Every structure is written in C-alpha cells, then in structure tokens.
Amino acid sequence: MIDEKVKIKCTKCSQVFRERAQRIRNGFQTNCQHCNRLITFDVSSEDRNIRRALMSAKEIRATLEARPKAESVPQASAGDRSQF
C-alpha cells in the first residue's frame, strides 16, 4: 500500500503536517494546520521544504499512475456475500 500523502514542514513554526500528493502541484496554496501560515508551492521557491514536498508529490503521483488499475480497485470475492 502506497501512502498517498506528503509530509510538509512549515518554515514558520517547524511543525510537520500532511497533504494529499494529488493536490500538491506548482501554484497550489494551503495553510499550515498549526500556525495558519499560507504556504504557496512554487518550483522556483528558495524554501527547501517546499521544493522537497513538490518532488515527493511528483514521485508519488508517478508511482500511483504507473501501478495497474486492477490493483487500485479491490475486487469482492464470490464467497463474500456480506453485502446481501
């Protein structure tokens, strides 16, 4: 199972929070969940924490797109009739 969230370290309060990798792209903005500082994700940012989060999100998205679709959708077995 692949963790679909990226750890983000706020440069103001140094706390770590998590955000879905699908959302973190160039230009995405979110608030720190601890100090409420607005964080803008930009590839040209001098903040190493922002660049690291963008790279991690890109790697996770590539991994998620590369895995087979059958793996992402669990199939119910014929013997599993708990839903009836």
PDB file of N, CA and C in Angstrom:
ATOM      1  N   MET A   1       0.843  -1.181   0.000  1.00  0.00           N
ATOM      2  CA  MET A   1       0.000   0.000   0.000  1.00  0.00           C
ATOM      3  C   MET A   1       0.886   1.243   0.000  1.00  0.00           C
ATOM      4  N   ILE A   2       0.626   2.125  -0.904  1.00  0.00           N
ATOM      5  CA  ILE A   2       1.400   3.356  -1.036  1.00  0.00           C
ATOM      6  C   ILE A   2       0.703   4.463  -0.250  1.00  0.00           C
ATOM      7  N   ASP A   3       1.481   5.184   0.551  1.00  0.00           N
ATOM      8  CA  ASP A   3       0.942   6.324   1.274  1.00  0.00           C
ATOM      9  C   ASP A   3       0.766   7.456   0.274  1.00  0.00           C
ATOM     10  N   GLU A   4      -0.451   7.957   0.132  1.00  0.00           N
ATOM     11  CA  GLU A   4      -0.755   8.966  -0.880  1.00  0.00           C
ATOM     12  C   GLU A   4      -0.610  10.391  -0.353  1.00  0.00           C
ATOM     13  N   LYS A   5      -0.026  10.555   0.821  1.00  0.00           N
ATOM     14  CA  LYS A   5       0.142  11.884   1.394  1.00  0.00           C
ATOM     15  C   LYS A   5       1.618  12.231   1.517  1.00  0.00           C
ATOM     16  N   VAL A   6       1.890  13.528   1.441  1.00  0.00           N
ATOM     17  CA  VAL A   6       3.250  14.051   1.510  1.00  0.00           C
ATOM     18  C   VAL A   6       3.394  14.834   2.813  1.00  0.00           C
ATOM     19  N   LYS A   7       4.524  14.661   3.469  1.00  0.00           N
ATOM     20  CA  LYS A   7       4.811  15.431   4.673  1.00  0.00           C
ATOM     21  C   LYS A   7       5.342  16.800   4.270  1.00  0.00           C
ATOM     22  N   ILE A   8       4.804  17.832   4.895  1.00  0.00           N
ATOM     23  CA  ILE A   8       5.209  19.208   4.617  1.00  0.00           C
ATOM     24  C   ILE A   8       5.659  19.835   5.929  1.00  0.00           C
ATOM     25  N   LYS A   9       6.840  20.434   5.922  1.00  0.00           N
ATOM     26  CA  LYS A   9       7.348  21.103   7.118  1.00  0.00           C
ATOM     27  C   LYS A   9       7.183  22.604   6.942  1.00  0.00           C
ATOM     28  N   CYS A  10       6.461  23.218   7.859  1.00  0.00           N
ATOM     29  CA  CYS A  10       6.251  24.664   7.828  1.00  0.00           C
ATOM     30  C   CYS A  10       7.535  25.361   8.249  1.00  0.00           C
ATOM     31  N   THR A  11       7.946  26.368   7.497  1.00  0.00           N
ATOM     32  CA  THR A  11       9.183  27.076   7.823  1.00  0.00           C
ATOM     33  C   THR A  11       8.989  28.078   8.955  1.00  0.00           C
ATOM     34  N   LYS A  12       7.745  28.465   9.212  1.00  0.00           N
ATOM     35  CA  LYS A  12       7.499  29.428  10.289  1.00  0.00           C
ATOM     36  C   LYS A  12       7.493  28.746  11.661  1.00  0.00           C
ATOM     37  N   CYS A  13       6.708  27.667  11.802  1.00  0.00           N
ATOM     38  CA  CYS A  13       6.571  27.027  13.113  1.00  0.00           C
ATOM     39  C   CYS A  13       7.326  25.698  13.221  1.00  0.00           C
ATOM     40  N   SER A  14       7.898  25.222  12.120  1.00  0.00           N
ATOM     41  CA  SER A  14       8.681  23.973  12.055  1.00  0.00           C
ATOM     42  C   SER A  14       7.867  22.718  12.352  1.00  0.00           C
ATOM     43  N   GLN A  15       6.558  22.828  12.314  1.00  0.00           N
ATOM     44  CA  GLN A  15       5.705  21.657  12.521  1.00  0.00           C
ATOM     45  C   GLN A  15       5.489  20.950  11.187  1.00  0.00           C
ATOM     46  N   VAL A  16       5.249  19.646  11.257  1.00  0.00           N
ATOM     47  CA  VAL A  16       5.039  18.844  10.060  1.00  0.00           C
ATOM     48  C   VAL A  16       3.562  18.486   9.964  1.00  0.00           C
ATOM     49  N   PHE A  17       2.995  18.652   8.768  1.00  0.00           N
ATOM     50  CA  PHE A  17       1.631  18.204   8.503  1.00  0.00           C
ATOM     51  C   PHE A  17       1.616  17.502   7.165  1.00  0.00           C
ATOM     52  N   ARG A  18       0.495  16.869   6.839  1.00  0.00           N
ATOM     53  CA  ARG A  18       0.421  16.059   5.626  1.00  0.00           C
ATOM     54  C   ARG A  18      -0.690  16.563   4.706  1.00  0.00           C
ATOM     55  N   GLU A  19      -0.448  16.407   3.414  1.00  0.00           N
ATOM     56  CA  GLU A  19      -1.410  16.810   2.386  1.00  0.00           C
ATOM     57  C   GLU A  19      -1.375  15.767   1.284  1.00  0.00           C
ATOM     58  N   ARG A  20      -2.500  15.563   0.616  1.00  0.00           N
ATOM     59  CA  ARG A  20      -2.569  14.584  -0.469  1.00  0.00           C
ATOM     60  C   ARG A  20      -1.642  14.976  -1.613  1.00  0.00           C
ATOM     61  N   ALA A  21      -0.914  13.995  -2.136  1.00  0.00           N
ATOM     62  CA  ALA A  21       0.050  14.243  -3.212  1.00  0.00           C
ATOM     63  C   ALA A  21      -0.642  14.727  -4.483  1.00  0.00           C
ATOM     64  N   GLN A  22      -1.878  14.313  -4.706  1.00  0.00           N
ATOM     65  CA  GLN A  22      -2.604  14.731  -5.913  1.00  0.00           C
ATOM     66  C   GLN A  22      -2.860  16.238  -5.921  1.00  0.00           C
ATOM     67  N   ARG A  23      -2.931  16.846  -4.754  1.00  0.00           N
ATOM     68  CA  ARG A  23      -3.217  18.279  -4.670  1.00  0.00           C
ATOM     69  C   ARG A  23      -1.964  19.138  -4.790  1.00  0.00           C
ATOM     70  N   ILE A  24      -0.828  18.628  -4.355  1.00  0.00           N
ATOM     71  CA  ILE A  24       0.398  19.434  -4.304  1.00  0.00           C
ATOM     72  C   ILE A  24       1.018  19.524  -5.690  1.00  0.00           C
ATOM     73  N   ARG A  25       0.878  20.679  -6.294  1.00  0.00           N
ATOM     74  CA  ARG A  25       1.434  20.971  -7.616  1.00  0.00           C
ATOM     75  C   ARG A  25       1.952  22.405  -7.603  1.00  0.00           C
ATOM     76  N   ASN A  26       2.650  22.782  -8.651  1.00  0.00           N
ATOM     77  CA  ASN A  26       3.162  24.141  -8.766  1.00  0.00           C
ATOM     78  C   ASN A  26       1.990  25.127  -8.745  1.00  0.00           C
ATOM     79  N   GLY A  27       2.026  26.089  -7.837  1.00  0.00           N
ATOM     80  CA  GLY A  27       0.968  27.083  -7.721  1.00  0.00           C
ATOM     81  C   GLY A  27      -0.077  26.761  -6.661  1.00  0.00           C
ATOM     82  N   PHE A  28      -0.057  25.561  -6.100  1.00  0.00           N
ATOM     83  CA  PHE A  28      -1.019  25.169  -5.068  1.00  0.00           C
ATOM     84  C   PHE A  28      -0.739  25.941  -3.784  1.00  0.00           C
ATOM     85  N   GLN A  29      -1.805  26.356  -3.092  1.00  0.00           N
ATOM     86  CA  GLN A  29      -1.657  27.066  -1.828  1.00  0.00           C
ATOM     87  C   GLN A  29      -2.440  26.346  -0.741  1.00  0.00           C
ATOM     88  N   THR A  30      -1.869  26.299   0.440  1.00  0.00           N
ATOM     89  CA  THR A  30      -2.544  25.726   1.600  1.00  0.00           C
ATOM     90  C   THR A  30      -2.056  26.448   2.844  1.00  0.00           C
ATOM     91  N   ASN A  31      -2.824  26.323   3.907  1.00  0.00           N
ATOM     92  CA  ASN A  31      -2.419  26.915   5.176  1.00  0.00           C
ATOM     93  C   ASN A  31      -1.798  25.851   6.058  1.00  0.00           C
ATOM     94  N   CYS A  32      -0.794  26.243   6.821  1.00  0.00           N
ATOM     95  CA  CYS A  32      -0.219  25.354   7.823  1.00  0.00           C
ATOM     96  C   CYS A  32      -1.324  25.046   8.829  1.00  0.00           C
ATOM     97  N   GLN A  33      -1.462  23.789   9.183  1.00  0.00           N
ATOM     98  CA  GLN A  33      -2.530  23.382  10.093  1.00  0.00           C
ATOM     99  C   GLN A  33      -2.238  23.772  11.537  1.00  0.00           C
ATOM    100  N   HIS A  34      -1.018  24.220  11.818  1.00  0.00           N
ATOM    101  CA  HIS A  34      -0.639  24.567  13.182  1.00  0.00           C
ATOM    102  C   HIS A  34      -0.618  26.076  13.412  1.00  0.00           C
ATOM    103  N   CYS A  35       0.002  26.829  12.499  1.00  0.00           N
ATOM    104  CA  CYS A  35       0.131  28.278  12.703  1.00  0.00           C
ATOM    105  C   CYS A  35      -0.689  29.089  11.692  1.00  0.00           C
ATOM    106  N   ASN A  36      -1.343  28.409  10.756  1.00  0.00           N
ATOM    107  CA  ASN A  36      -2.223  29.025   9.762  1.00  0.00           C
ATOM    108  C   ASN A  36      -1.482  29.902   8.746  1.00  0.00           C
ATOM    109  N   ARG A  37      -0.180  29.731   8.597  1.00  0.00           N
ATOM    110  CA  ARG A  37       0.580  30.489   7.604  1.00  0.00           C
ATOM    111  C   ARG A  37       0.244  29.975   6.206  1.00  0.00           C
ATOM    112  N   LEU A  38       0.059  30.874   5.261  1.00  0.00           N
ATOM    113  CA  LEU A  38      -0.208  30.489   3.878  1.00  0.00           C
ATOM    114  C   LEU A  38       1.084  30.007   3.233  1.00  0.00           C
ATOM    115  N   ILE A  39       1.040  28.799   2.683  1.00  0.00           N
ATOM    116  CA  ILE A  39       2.199  28.217   2.012  1.00  0.00           C
ATOM    117  C   ILE A  39       1.850  28.071   0.542  1.00  0.00           C
ATOM    118  N   THR A  40       2.659  28.676  -0.321  1.00  0.00           N
ATOM    119  CA  THR A  40       2.479  28.576  -1.763  1.00  0.00           C
ATOM    120  C   THR A  40       3.572  27.680  -2.323  1.00  0.00           C
ATOM    121  N   PHE A  41       3.161  26.652  -3.050  1.00  0.00           N
ATOM    122  CA  PHE A  41       4.120  25.703  -3.614  1.00  0.00           C
ATOM    123  C   PHE A  41       4.546  26.188  -4.989  1.00  0.00           C
ATOM    124  N   ASP A  42       5.840  26.479  -5.111  1.00  0.00           N
ATOM    125  CA  ASP A  42       6.411  27.002  -6.345  1.00  0.00           C
ATOM    126  C   ASP A  42       7.765  26.330  -6.560  1.00  0.00           C
ATOM    127  N   VAL A  43       7.993  25.799  -7.764  1.00  0.00           N
ATOM    128  CA  VAL A  43       9.245  25.089  -8.037  1.00  0.00           C
ATOM    129  C   VAL A  43      10.463  26.004  -7.935  1.00  0.00           C
ATOM    130  N   SER A  44      10.276  27.300  -8.114  1.00  0.00           N
ATOM    131  CA  SER A  44      11.406  28.228  -8.042  1.00  0.00           C
ATOM    132  C   SER A  44      11.595  28.797  -6.633  1.00  0.00           C
ATOM    133  N   SER A  45      10.868  28.270  -5.663  1.00  0.00           N
ATOM    134  CA  SER A  45      10.972  28.750  -4.288  1.00  0.00           C
ATOM    135  C   SER A  45      12.355  28.452  -3.713  1.00  0.00           C
ATOM    136  N   GLU A  46      12.838  29.359  -2.886  1.00  0.00           N
ATOM    137  CA  GLU A  46      14.118  29.130  -2.220  1.00  0.00           C
ATOM    138  C   GLU A  46      13.949  28.277  -0.970  1.00  0.00           C
ATOM    139  N   ASP A  47      12.712  28.037  -0.566  1.00  0.00           N
ATOM    140  CA  ASP A  47      12.434  27.221   0.617  1.00  0.00           C
ATOM    141  C   ASP A  47      12.624  25.746   0.273  1.00  0.00           C
ATOM    142  N   ARG A  48      13.580  25.127   0.913  1.00  0.00           N
ATOM    143  CA  ARG A  48      13.913  23.727   0.634  1.00  0.00           C
ATOM    144  C   ARG A  48      12.749  22.796   0.993  1.00  0.00           C
ATOM    145  N   ASN A  49      11.985  23.136   2.041  1.00  0.00           N
ATOM    146  CA  ASN A  49      10.859  22.298   2.452  1.00  0.00           C
ATOM    147  C   ASN A  49       9.772  22.247   1.383  1.00  0.00           C
ATOM    148  N   ILE A  50       9.536  23.359   0.717  1.00  0.00           N
ATOM    149  CA  ILE A  50       8.533  23.415  -0.348  1.00  0.00           C
ATOM    150  C   ILE A  50       9.002  22.616  -1.556  1.00  0.00           C
ATOM    151  N   ARG A  51      10.257  22.788  -1.941  1.00  0.00           N
ATOM    152  CA  ARG A  51      10.783  22.022  -3.083  1.00  0.00           C
ATOM    153  C   ARG A  51      10.773  20.524  -2.796  1.00  0.00           C
ATOM    154  N   ARG A  52      11.116  20.143  -1.570  1.00  0.00           N
ATOM    155  CA  ARG A  52      11.122  18.729  -1.190  1.00  0.00           C
ATOM    156  C   ARG A  52       9.699  18.149  -1.268  1.00  0.00           C
ATOM    157  N   ALA A  53       8.704  18.894  -0.794  1.00  0.00           N
ATOM    158  CA  ALA A  53       7.318  18.426  -0.843  1.00  0.00           C
ATOM    159  C   ALA A  53       6.836  18.285  -2.286  1.00  0.00           C
ATOM    160  N   LEU A  54       7.213  19.235  -3.150  1.00  0.00           N
ATOM    161  CA  LEU A  54       6.831  19.148  -4.562  1.00  0.00           C
ATOM    162  C   LEU A  54       7.449  17.928  -5.233  1.00  0.00           C
ATOM    163  N   MET A  55       8.718  17.660  -4.951  1.00  0.00           N
ATOM    164  CA  MET A  55       9.385  16.497  -5.547  1.00  0.00           C
ATOM    165  C   MET A  55       8.776  15.193  -5.035  1.00  0.00           C
ATOM    166  N   SER A  56       8.490  15.122  -3.743  1.00  0.00           N
ATOM    167  CA  SER A  56       7.877  13.919  -3.172  1.00  0.00           C
ATOM    168  C   SER A  56       6.502  13.676  -3.777  1.00  0.00           C
ATOM    169  N   ALA A  57       5.720  14.738  -3.926  1.00  0.00           N
ATOM    170  CA  ALA A  57       4.384  14.603  -4.509  1.00  0.00           C
ATOM    171  C   ALA A  57       4.469  14.131  -5.956  1.00  0.00           C
ATOM    172  N   LYS A  58       5.430  14.656  -6.693  1.00  0.00           N
ATOM    173  CA  LYS A  58       5.610  14.248  -8.092  1.00  0.00           C
ATOM    174  C   LYS A  58       5.965  12.765  -8.180  1.00  0.00           C
ATOM    175  N   GLU A  59       6.850  12.301  -7.298  1.00  0.00           N
ATOM    176  CA  GLU A  59       7.236  10.887  -7.291  1.00  0.00           C
ATOM    177  C   GLU A  59       6.055   9.990  -6.925  1.00  0.00           C
ATOM    178  N   ILE A  60       5.268  10.401  -5.948  1.00  0.00           N
ATOM    179  CA  ILE A  60       4.109   9.600  -5.540  1.00  0.00           C
ATOM    180  C   ILE A  60       3.082   9.541  -6.655  1.00  0.00           C
ATOM    181  N   ARG A  61       2.817  10.682  -7.321  1.00  0.00           N
ATOM    182  CA  ARG A  61       1.854  10.678  -8.435  1.00  0.00           C
ATOM    183  C   ARG A  61       2.323   9.762  -9.553  1.00  0.00           C
ATOM    184  N   ALA A  62       3.619   9.781  -9.862  1.00  0.00           N
ATOM    185  CA  ALA A  62       4.158   8.912 -10.918  1.00  0.00           C
ATOM    186  C   ALA A  62       3.994   7.444 -10.535  1.00  0.00           C
ATOM    187  N   THR A  63       4.235   7.119  -9.277  1.00  0.00           N
ATOM    188  CA  THR A  63       4.079   5.742  -8.805  1.00  0.00           C
ATOM    189  C   THR A  63       2.623   5.309  -8.870  1.00  0.00           C
ATOM    190  N   LEU A  64       1.715   6.199  -8.473  1.00  0.00           N
ATOM    191  CA  LEU A  64       0.292   5.859  -8.494  1.00  0.00           C
ATOM    192  C   LEU A  64      -0.221   5.664  -9.919  1.00  0.00           C
ATOM    193  N   GLU A  65       0.266   6.469 -10.850  1.00  0.00           N
ATOM    194  CA  GLU A  65      -0.167   6.341 -12.242  1.00  0.00           C
ATOM    195  C   GLU A  65       0.421   5.102 -12.898  1.00  0.00           C
ATOM    196  N   ALA A  66       1.582   4.657 -12.434  1.00  0.00           N
ATOM    197  CA  ALA A  66       2.255   3.512 -13.046  1.00  0.00           C
ATOM    198  C   ALA A  66       1.684   2.175 -12.590  1.00  0.00           C
ATOM    199  N   ARG A  67       1.100   2.141 -11.397  1.00  0.00           N
ATOM    200  CA  ARG A  67       0.596   0.854 -10.917  1.00  0.00           C
ATOM    201  C   ARG A  67      -0.670   0.464 -11.675  1.00  0.00           C
ATOM    202  N   PRO A  68      -0.903  -0.825 -11.820  1.00  0.00           N
ATOM    203  CA  PRO A  68      -2.066  -1.306 -12.577  1.00  0.00           C
ATOM    204  C   PRO A  68      -3.380  -0.876 -11.933  1.00  0.00           C
ATOM    205  N   LYS A  69      -4.371  -0.642 -12.765  1.00  0.00           N
ATOM    206  CA  LYS A  69      -5.679  -0.213 -12.282  1.00  0.00           C
ATOM    207  C   LYS A  69      -6.352  -1.301 -11.454  1.00  0.00           C
ATOM    208  N   ALA A  70      -6.144  -2.561 -11.790  1.00  0.00           N
ATOM    209  CA  ALA A  70      -6.763  -3.664 -11.055  1.00  0.00           C
ATOM    210  C   ALA A  70      -6.287  -3.690  -9.610  1.00  0.00           C
ATOM    211  N   GLU A  71      -5.074  -3.218  -9.372  1.00  0.00           N
ATOM    212  CA  GLU A  71      -4.528  -3.199  -8.020  1.00  0.00           C
ATOM    213  C   GLU A  71      -5.191  -2.123  -7.174  1.00  0.00           C
ATOM    214  N   SER A  72      -5.619  -1.035  -7.788  1.00  0.00           N
ATOM    215  CA  SER A  72      -6.188   0.071  -7.038  1.00  0.00           C
ATOM    216  C   SER A  72      -7.656  -0.137  -6.682  1.00  0.00           C
ATOM    217  N   VAL A  73      -8.363  -1.036  -7.392  1.00  0.00           N
ATOM    218  CA  VAL A  73      -9.769  -1.305  -7.114  1.00  0.00           C
ATOM    219  C   VAL A  73      -9.888  -2.717  -6.563  1.00  0.00           C
ATOM    220  N   PRO A  74     -10.180  -2.862  -5.272  1.00  0.00           N
ATOM    221  CA  PRO A  74     -10.294  -4.206  -4.710  1.00  0.00           C
ATOM    222  C   PRO A  74     -11.522  -4.930  -5.254  1.00  0.00           C
ATOM    223  N   GLN A  75     -11.345  -6.178  -5.607  1.00  0.00           N
ATOM    224  CA  GLN A  75     -12.427  -6.986  -6.152  1.00  0.00           C
ATOM    225  C   GLN A  75     -13.019  -7.834  -5.036  1.00  0.00           C
ATOM    226  N   ALA A  76     -14.343  -7.896  -4.948  1.00  0.00           N
ATOM    227  CA  ALA A  76     -15.012  -8.739  -3.963  1.00  0.00           C
ATOM    228  C   ALA A  76     -14.995 -10.173  -4.466  1.00  0.00           C
ATOM    229  N   SER A  77     -14.681 -11.086  -3.579  1.00  0.00           N
ATOM    230  CA  SER A  77     -14.648 -12.494  -3.981  1.00  0.00           C
ATOM    231  C   SER A  77     -16.068 -13.041  -4.058  1.00  0.00           C
ATOM    232  N   ALA A  78     -16.231 -14.150  -4.778  1.00  0.00           N
ATOM    233  CA  ALA A  78     -17.552 -14.755  -4.951  1.00  0.00           C
ATOM    234  C   ALA A  78     -18.093 -15.266  -3.625  1.00  0.00           C
ATOM    235  N   GLY A  79     -17.222 -15.649  -2.698  1.00  0.00           N
ATOM    236  CA  GLY A  79     -17.652 -16.164  -1.409  1.00  0.00           C
ATOM    237  C   GLY A  79     -18.040 -15.070  -0.425  1.00  0.00           C
ATOM    238  N   ASP A  80     -17.753 -13.835  -0.737  1.00  0.00           N
ATOM    239  CA  ASP A  80     -18.066 -12.729   0.157  1.00  0.00           C
ATOM    240  C   ASP A  80     -19.467 -12.223  -0.141  1.00  0.00           C
ATOM    241  N   ARG A  81     -20.400 -12.611   0.668  1.00  0.00           N
ATOM    242  CA  ARG A  81     -21.795 -12.205   0.467  1.00  0.00           C
ATOM    243  C   ARG A  81     -22.273 -11.339   1.635  1.00  0.00           C
ATOM    244  N   SER A  82     -21.351 -10.671   2.277  1.00  0.00           N
ATOM    245  CA  SER A  82     -21.692  -9.872   3.451  1.00  0.00           C
ATOM    246  C   SER A  82     -22.530  -8.648   3.095  1.00  0.00           C
ATOM    247  N   GLN A  83     -22.526  -8.259   1.844  1.00  0.00           N
ATOM    248  CA  GLN A  83     -23.295  -7.086   1.456  1.00  0.00           C
ATOM    249  C   GLN A  83     -24.746  -7.398   1.139  1.00  0.00           C
ATOM    250  N   PHE A  84     -25.127  -8.679   1.140  1.00  0.00           N
ATOM    251  CA  PHE A  84     -26.505  -9.054   0.826  1.00  0.00           C
ATOM    252  C   PHE A  84     -27.283  -9.330   2.075  1.00  0.00           C
TER     253      PHE A  84
END
